């Protein structure tokens, strides 16, 4: 099974802190599928954890472009704050709706 990062993380932290790098021979859709099937992926996760084939992990660690791309993007602007607040309000709304539906 190929290592693939997920954004389904539960906890406080920046969005997009997990990155999956796919080592392809051909930059096409079929090339990506072939690389996934061959397990040529490396995942940079929370806290600097790295997963995947050890040889590819070393290759990724030695490539400054990949190391730079593995860092999460921290946004601190107004739109980011609005987005976070909207997410919390939406989550709270789901809990309220769920409770209302259970009382029917």
N, C-alpha and C. Protein backbone atom coordinates (compact mmCIF):
# COMPACT_ATOMS: atom_id res chain seq x y z
N UNK A 1 0.84 -1.17 0.00
CA UNK A 1 0.00 0.00 0.00
C UNK A 1 0.89 1.24 0.00
N UNK A 2 0.57 2.19 -0.83
CA UNK A 2 1.33 3.43 -0.92
C UNK A 2 1.01 4.34 0.26
N UNK A 3 2.03 5.05 0.73
CA UNK A 3 1.81 6.05 1.78
C UNK A 3 1.13 7.26 1.14
N UNK A 4 -0.02 7.64 1.70
CA UNK A 4 -0.76 8.80 1.18
C UNK A 4 -1.21 9.62 2.37
N UNK A 5 -0.85 10.90 2.36
CA UNK A 5 -1.23 11.80 3.44
C UNK A 5 -2.70 12.18 3.34
N UNK A 6 -3.28 12.47 4.47
CA UNK A 6 -4.70 12.82 4.53
C UNK A 6 -4.87 14.13 5.27
N UNK A 7 -5.87 14.89 4.87
CA UNK A 7 -6.17 16.12 5.59
C UNK A 7 -7.18 15.85 6.71
N UNK A 8 -7.56 14.59 6.90
CA UNK A 8 -8.52 14.24 7.94
C UNK A 8 -7.78 14.11 9.27
N UNK A 9 -7.43 15.26 9.84
CA UNK A 9 -6.70 15.27 11.10
C UNK A 9 -7.59 15.90 12.16
N UNK A 10 -7.53 15.38 13.34
CA UNK A 10 -8.36 15.87 14.43
C UNK A 10 -7.47 16.53 15.46
N UNK A 11 -7.56 17.82 15.54
CA UNK A 11 -6.75 18.56 16.47
C UNK A 11 -6.49 19.95 15.93
N UNK A 12 -5.84 20.75 16.73
CA UNK A 12 -5.55 22.12 16.34
C UNK A 12 -4.27 22.14 15.52
N UNK A 13 -4.29 22.88 14.46
CA UNK A 13 -3.10 23.02 13.63
C UNK A 13 -3.47 23.63 12.30
N UNK A 14 -2.47 24.00 11.54
CA UNK A 14 -2.75 24.64 10.26
C UNK A 14 -3.33 23.65 9.25
N UNK A 15 -4.14 24.17 8.35
CA UNK A 15 -4.67 23.34 7.28
C UNK A 15 -3.52 22.91 6.37
N UNK A 16 -3.62 21.73 5.83
CA UNK A 16 -2.64 21.28 4.85
C UNK A 16 -1.28 20.94 5.42
N UNK A 17 -1.24 20.47 6.66
CA UNK A 17 0.07 20.17 7.24
C UNK A 17 0.63 18.85 6.75
N UNK A 18 -0.14 18.09 6.05
CA UNK A 18 0.31 16.79 5.54
C UNK A 18 0.50 16.89 4.03
N UNK A 19 1.64 16.44 3.54
CA UNK A 19 1.95 16.51 2.11
C UNK A 19 2.34 15.13 1.60
N UNK A 20 1.80 14.77 0.43
CA UNK A 20 2.17 13.53 -0.24
C UNK A 20 2.93 13.88 -1.51
N UNK A 21 4.13 13.33 -1.64
CA UNK A 21 4.92 13.51 -2.86
C UNK A 21 4.93 12.19 -3.62
N UNK A 22 4.62 12.26 -4.90
CA UNK A 22 4.55 11.08 -5.76
C UNK A 22 5.73 11.14 -6.72
N UNK A 23 6.54 10.10 -6.74
CA UNK A 23 7.72 10.04 -7.59
C UNK A 23 7.34 9.34 -8.90
N UNK A 24 7.10 10.15 -9.93
CA UNK A 24 6.61 9.63 -11.20
C UNK A 24 7.73 9.56 -12.23
N UNK A 25 7.57 8.67 -13.18
CA UNK A 25 8.48 8.60 -14.33
C UNK A 25 7.95 9.45 -15.48
N UNK A 26 6.63 9.65 -15.47
CA UNK A 26 5.96 10.39 -16.53
C UNK A 26 4.89 11.27 -15.87
N UNK A 27 4.95 12.57 -16.11
CA UNK A 27 4.02 13.51 -15.47
C UNK A 27 2.67 13.52 -16.18
N UNK A 28 2.00 12.38 -16.13
CA UNK A 28 0.68 12.22 -16.72
C UNK A 28 -0.21 11.51 -15.71
N UNK A 29 -1.49 11.45 -16.01
CA UNK A 29 -2.42 10.73 -15.14
C UNK A 29 -2.01 9.28 -14.99
N UNK A 30 -1.67 8.63 -16.10
CA UNK A 30 -1.27 7.22 -16.03
C UNK A 30 0.07 7.07 -15.30
N UNK A 31 0.95 8.06 -15.43
CA UNK A 31 2.22 8.03 -14.71
C UNK A 31 2.02 8.12 -13.21
N UNK A 32 1.07 8.94 -12.80
CA UNK A 32 0.76 9.07 -11.37
C UNK A 32 0.16 7.77 -10.84
N UNK A 33 -0.78 7.21 -11.57
CA UNK A 33 -1.38 5.94 -11.14
C UNK A 33 -0.33 4.84 -11.05
N UNK A 34 0.58 4.80 -12.01
CA UNK A 34 1.64 3.78 -12.00
C UNK A 34 2.52 3.95 -10.77
N UNK A 35 2.88 5.20 -10.44
CA UNK A 35 3.72 5.46 -9.28
C UNK A 35 3.00 5.09 -7.98
N UNK A 36 1.71 5.38 -7.89
CA UNK A 36 0.95 5.00 -6.70
C UNK A 36 0.90 3.48 -6.55
N UNK A 37 0.65 2.79 -7.65
CA UNK A 37 0.61 1.32 -7.59
C UNK A 37 1.97 0.73 -7.24
N UNK A 38 3.04 1.41 -7.65
CA UNK A 38 4.40 0.94 -7.35
C UNK A 38 4.88 1.44 -5.98
N UNK A 39 4.01 2.17 -5.27
CA UNK A 39 4.31 2.67 -3.92
C UNK A 39 5.48 3.66 -3.90
N UNK A 40 5.58 4.48 -4.93
CA UNK A 40 6.64 5.49 -4.97
C UNK A 40 6.09 6.82 -4.45
N UNK A 41 5.80 6.83 -3.15
CA UNK A 41 5.29 8.03 -2.48
C UNK A 41 6.03 8.26 -1.18
N UNK A 42 6.07 9.52 -0.78
CA UNK A 42 6.62 9.91 0.52
C UNK A 42 5.64 10.90 1.13
N UNK A 43 5.34 10.72 2.40
CA UNK A 43 4.42 11.61 3.10
C UNK A 43 5.18 12.34 4.21
N UNK A 44 5.04 13.66 4.21
CA UNK A 44 5.53 14.48 5.31
C UNK A 44 4.32 14.83 6.15
N UNK A 45 4.32 14.41 7.41
CA UNK A 45 3.16 14.63 8.27
C UNK A 45 3.45 15.59 9.39
N UNK A 46 2.54 15.57 10.35
CA UNK A 46 2.62 16.45 11.51
C UNK A 46 3.90 16.20 12.30
N UNK A 47 4.48 17.27 12.77
CA UNK A 47 5.67 17.16 13.62
C UNK A 47 6.91 16.70 12.88
N UNK A 48 6.91 16.78 11.56
CA UNK A 48 8.08 16.37 10.79
C UNK A 48 8.17 14.89 10.53
N UNK A 49 7.14 14.12 10.89
CA UNK A 49 7.15 12.68 10.62
C UNK A 49 7.16 12.44 9.11
N UNK A 50 7.96 11.46 8.68
CA UNK A 50 8.06 11.14 7.25
C UNK A 50 7.78 9.65 7.08
N UNK A 51 6.95 9.33 6.07
CA UNK A 51 6.55 7.95 5.83
C UNK A 51 6.80 7.59 4.37
N UNK A 52 7.09 6.33 4.14
CA UNK A 52 7.28 5.85 2.77
C UNK A 52 8.50 4.97 2.67
N UNK A 53 8.84 4.60 1.45
CA UNK A 53 10.01 3.78 1.18
C UNK A 53 11.26 4.50 1.69
N UNK A 54 12.10 3.84 2.50
CA UNK A 54 13.27 4.51 3.08
C UNK A 54 14.19 5.17 2.05
N UNK A 55 14.37 4.56 0.89
CA UNK A 55 15.23 5.16 -0.14
C UNK A 55 14.61 6.46 -0.67
N UNK A 56 13.29 6.46 -0.85
CA UNK A 56 12.62 7.67 -1.32
C UNK A 56 12.57 8.73 -0.23
N UNK A 57 12.45 8.30 1.02
CA UNK A 57 12.47 9.25 2.14
C UNK A 57 13.81 9.97 2.16
N UNK A 58 14.91 9.24 1.98
CA UNK A 58 16.24 9.87 1.94
C UNK A 58 16.35 10.83 0.77
N UNK A 59 15.85 10.40 -0.39
CA UNK A 59 15.88 11.25 -1.58
C UNK A 59 15.09 12.54 -1.34
N UNK A 60 13.92 12.42 -0.73
CA UNK A 60 13.09 13.59 -0.44
C UNK A 60 13.77 14.50 0.58
N UNK A 61 14.40 13.91 1.58
CA UNK A 61 15.07 14.69 2.62
C UNK A 61 16.24 15.48 2.05
N UNK A 62 16.88 14.95 1.01
CA UNK A 62 18.03 15.62 0.40
C UNK A 62 17.63 16.69 -0.60
N UNK A 63 16.36 16.75 -0.97
CA UNK A 63 15.89 17.71 -1.98
C UNK A 63 15.27 18.92 -1.29
N UNK A 64 15.94 20.06 -1.37
CA UNK A 64 15.47 21.26 -0.68
C UNK A 64 14.08 21.68 -1.16
N UNK A 65 13.75 21.44 -2.43
CA UNK A 65 12.43 21.81 -2.95
C UNK A 65 11.34 21.03 -2.23
N UNK A 66 11.57 19.74 -2.01
CA UNK A 66 10.55 18.93 -1.33
C UNK A 66 10.45 19.29 0.14
N UNK A 67 11.59 19.53 0.78
CA UNK A 67 11.55 19.93 2.19
C UNK A 67 10.77 21.23 2.35
N UNK A 68 11.00 22.18 1.45
CA UNK A 68 10.29 23.46 1.53
C UNK A 68 8.80 23.26 1.27
N UNK A 69 8.45 22.40 0.33
CA UNK A 69 7.05 22.13 0.01
C UNK A 69 6.34 21.33 1.08
N UNK A 70 7.10 20.67 1.94
CA UNK A 70 6.50 19.83 2.98
C UNK A 70 6.02 20.65 4.17
N UNK A 71 6.49 21.89 4.27
CA UNK A 71 6.07 22.72 5.40
C UNK A 71 4.66 23.24 5.19
N UNK A 72 3.85 23.21 6.23
CA UNK A 72 2.49 23.75 6.08
C UNK A 72 2.51 25.25 5.86
N UNK A 73 1.52 25.71 5.17
CA UNK A 73 1.37 27.15 4.94
C UNK A 73 0.56 27.73 6.08
N UNK A 74 1.14 28.67 6.77
CA UNK A 74 0.43 29.33 7.87
C UNK A 74 -0.17 30.62 7.34
N UNK A 75 -1.46 30.69 7.40
CA UNK A 75 -2.14 31.91 6.97
C UNK A 75 -2.67 32.60 8.22
N UNK A 76 -2.48 33.87 8.28
CA UNK A 76 -2.93 34.61 9.46
C UNK A 76 -3.72 35.85 9.09
N UNK A 77 -4.19 35.93 7.86
CA UNK A 77 -4.93 37.09 7.41
C UNK A 77 -6.39 37.04 7.83
N UNK A 78 -7.11 38.08 7.44
CA UNK A 78 -8.52 38.21 7.79
C UNK A 78 -9.34 37.08 7.17
N UNK A 79 -9.08 36.76 5.90
CA UNK A 79 -9.85 35.69 5.25
C UNK A 79 -9.62 34.34 5.93
N UNK A 80 -8.41 34.10 6.40
CA UNK A 80 -8.14 32.85 7.10
C UNK A 80 -8.92 32.80 8.41
N UNK A 81 -8.95 33.91 9.13
CA UNK A 81 -9.71 33.96 10.39
C UNK A 81 -11.20 33.75 10.13
N UNK A 82 -11.74 34.39 9.08
CA UNK A 82 -13.15 34.21 8.74
C UNK A 82 -13.43 32.75 8.39
N UNK A 83 -12.51 32.14 7.64
CA UNK A 83 -12.68 30.74 7.26
C UNK A 83 -12.70 29.83 8.48
N UNK A 84 -11.81 30.06 9.42
CA UNK A 84 -11.77 29.23 10.63
C UNK A 84 -13.04 29.42 11.46
N UNK A 85 -13.46 30.66 11.60
CA UNK A 85 -14.69 30.93 12.37
C UNK A 85 -15.88 30.27 11.69
N UNK A 86 -15.94 30.37 10.36
CA UNK A 86 -17.02 29.73 9.62
C UNK A 86 -17.03 28.22 9.82
N UNK A 87 -15.86 27.62 9.86
CA UNK A 87 -15.77 26.18 10.10
C UNK A 87 -16.29 25.79 11.47
N UNK A 88 -15.95 26.57 12.48
CA UNK A 88 -16.42 26.30 13.84
C UNK A 88 -17.93 26.48 13.93
N UNK A 89 -18.45 27.54 13.31
CA UNK A 89 -19.90 27.76 13.31
C UNK A 89 -20.62 26.62 12.59
N UNK A 90 -20.07 26.17 11.46
CA UNK A 90 -20.66 25.05 10.73
C UNK A 90 -20.68 23.78 11.55
N UNK A 91 -19.59 23.51 12.25
CA UNK A 91 -19.52 22.32 13.10
C UNK A 91 -20.54 22.41 14.24
N UNK A 92 -20.64 23.58 14.85
CA UNK A 92 -21.63 23.76 15.92
C UNK A 92 -23.04 23.57 15.37
N UNK A 93 -23.29 24.07 14.16
CA UNK A 93 -24.59 23.89 13.53
C UNK A 93 -24.93 22.43 13.31
N UNK A 94 -23.95 21.64 12.94
CA UNK A 94 -24.18 20.20 12.76
C UNK A 94 -24.60 19.54 14.06
N UNK A 95 -23.96 19.91 15.17
CA UNK A 95 -24.33 19.34 16.46
C UNK A 95 -25.75 19.73 16.85
N UNK A 96 -26.11 20.99 16.62
CA UNK A 96 -27.46 21.46 16.94
C UNK A 96 -28.48 20.72 16.08
N UNK A 97 -28.22 20.62 14.78
CA UNK A 97 -29.13 19.93 13.87
C UNK A 97 -29.27 18.46 14.24
N UNK A 98 -28.17 17.84 14.59
CA UNK A 98 -28.20 16.42 14.98
C UNK A 98 -29.08 16.23 16.21
N UNK A 99 -28.92 17.12 17.19
CA UNK A 99 -29.74 17.03 18.40
C UNK A 99 -31.22 17.25 18.10
N UNK A 100 -31.52 18.19 17.21
CA UNK A 100 -32.91 18.46 16.85
C UNK A 100 -33.52 17.27 16.13
N UNK A 101 -32.77 16.62 15.26
CA UNK A 101 -33.28 15.46 14.53
C UNK A 101 -33.51 14.27 15.45
N UNK A 102 -32.68 14.12 16.47
CA UNK A 102 -32.85 13.00 17.40
C UNK A 102 -34.08 13.18 18.27
N UNK A 103 -34.52 14.43 18.45
CA UNK A 103 -35.69 14.71 19.28
C UNK A 103 -37.00 14.61 18.51
N UNK A 104 -36.95 14.30 17.22
CA UNK A 104 -38.18 14.18 16.42
C UNK A 104 -38.88 12.87 16.67
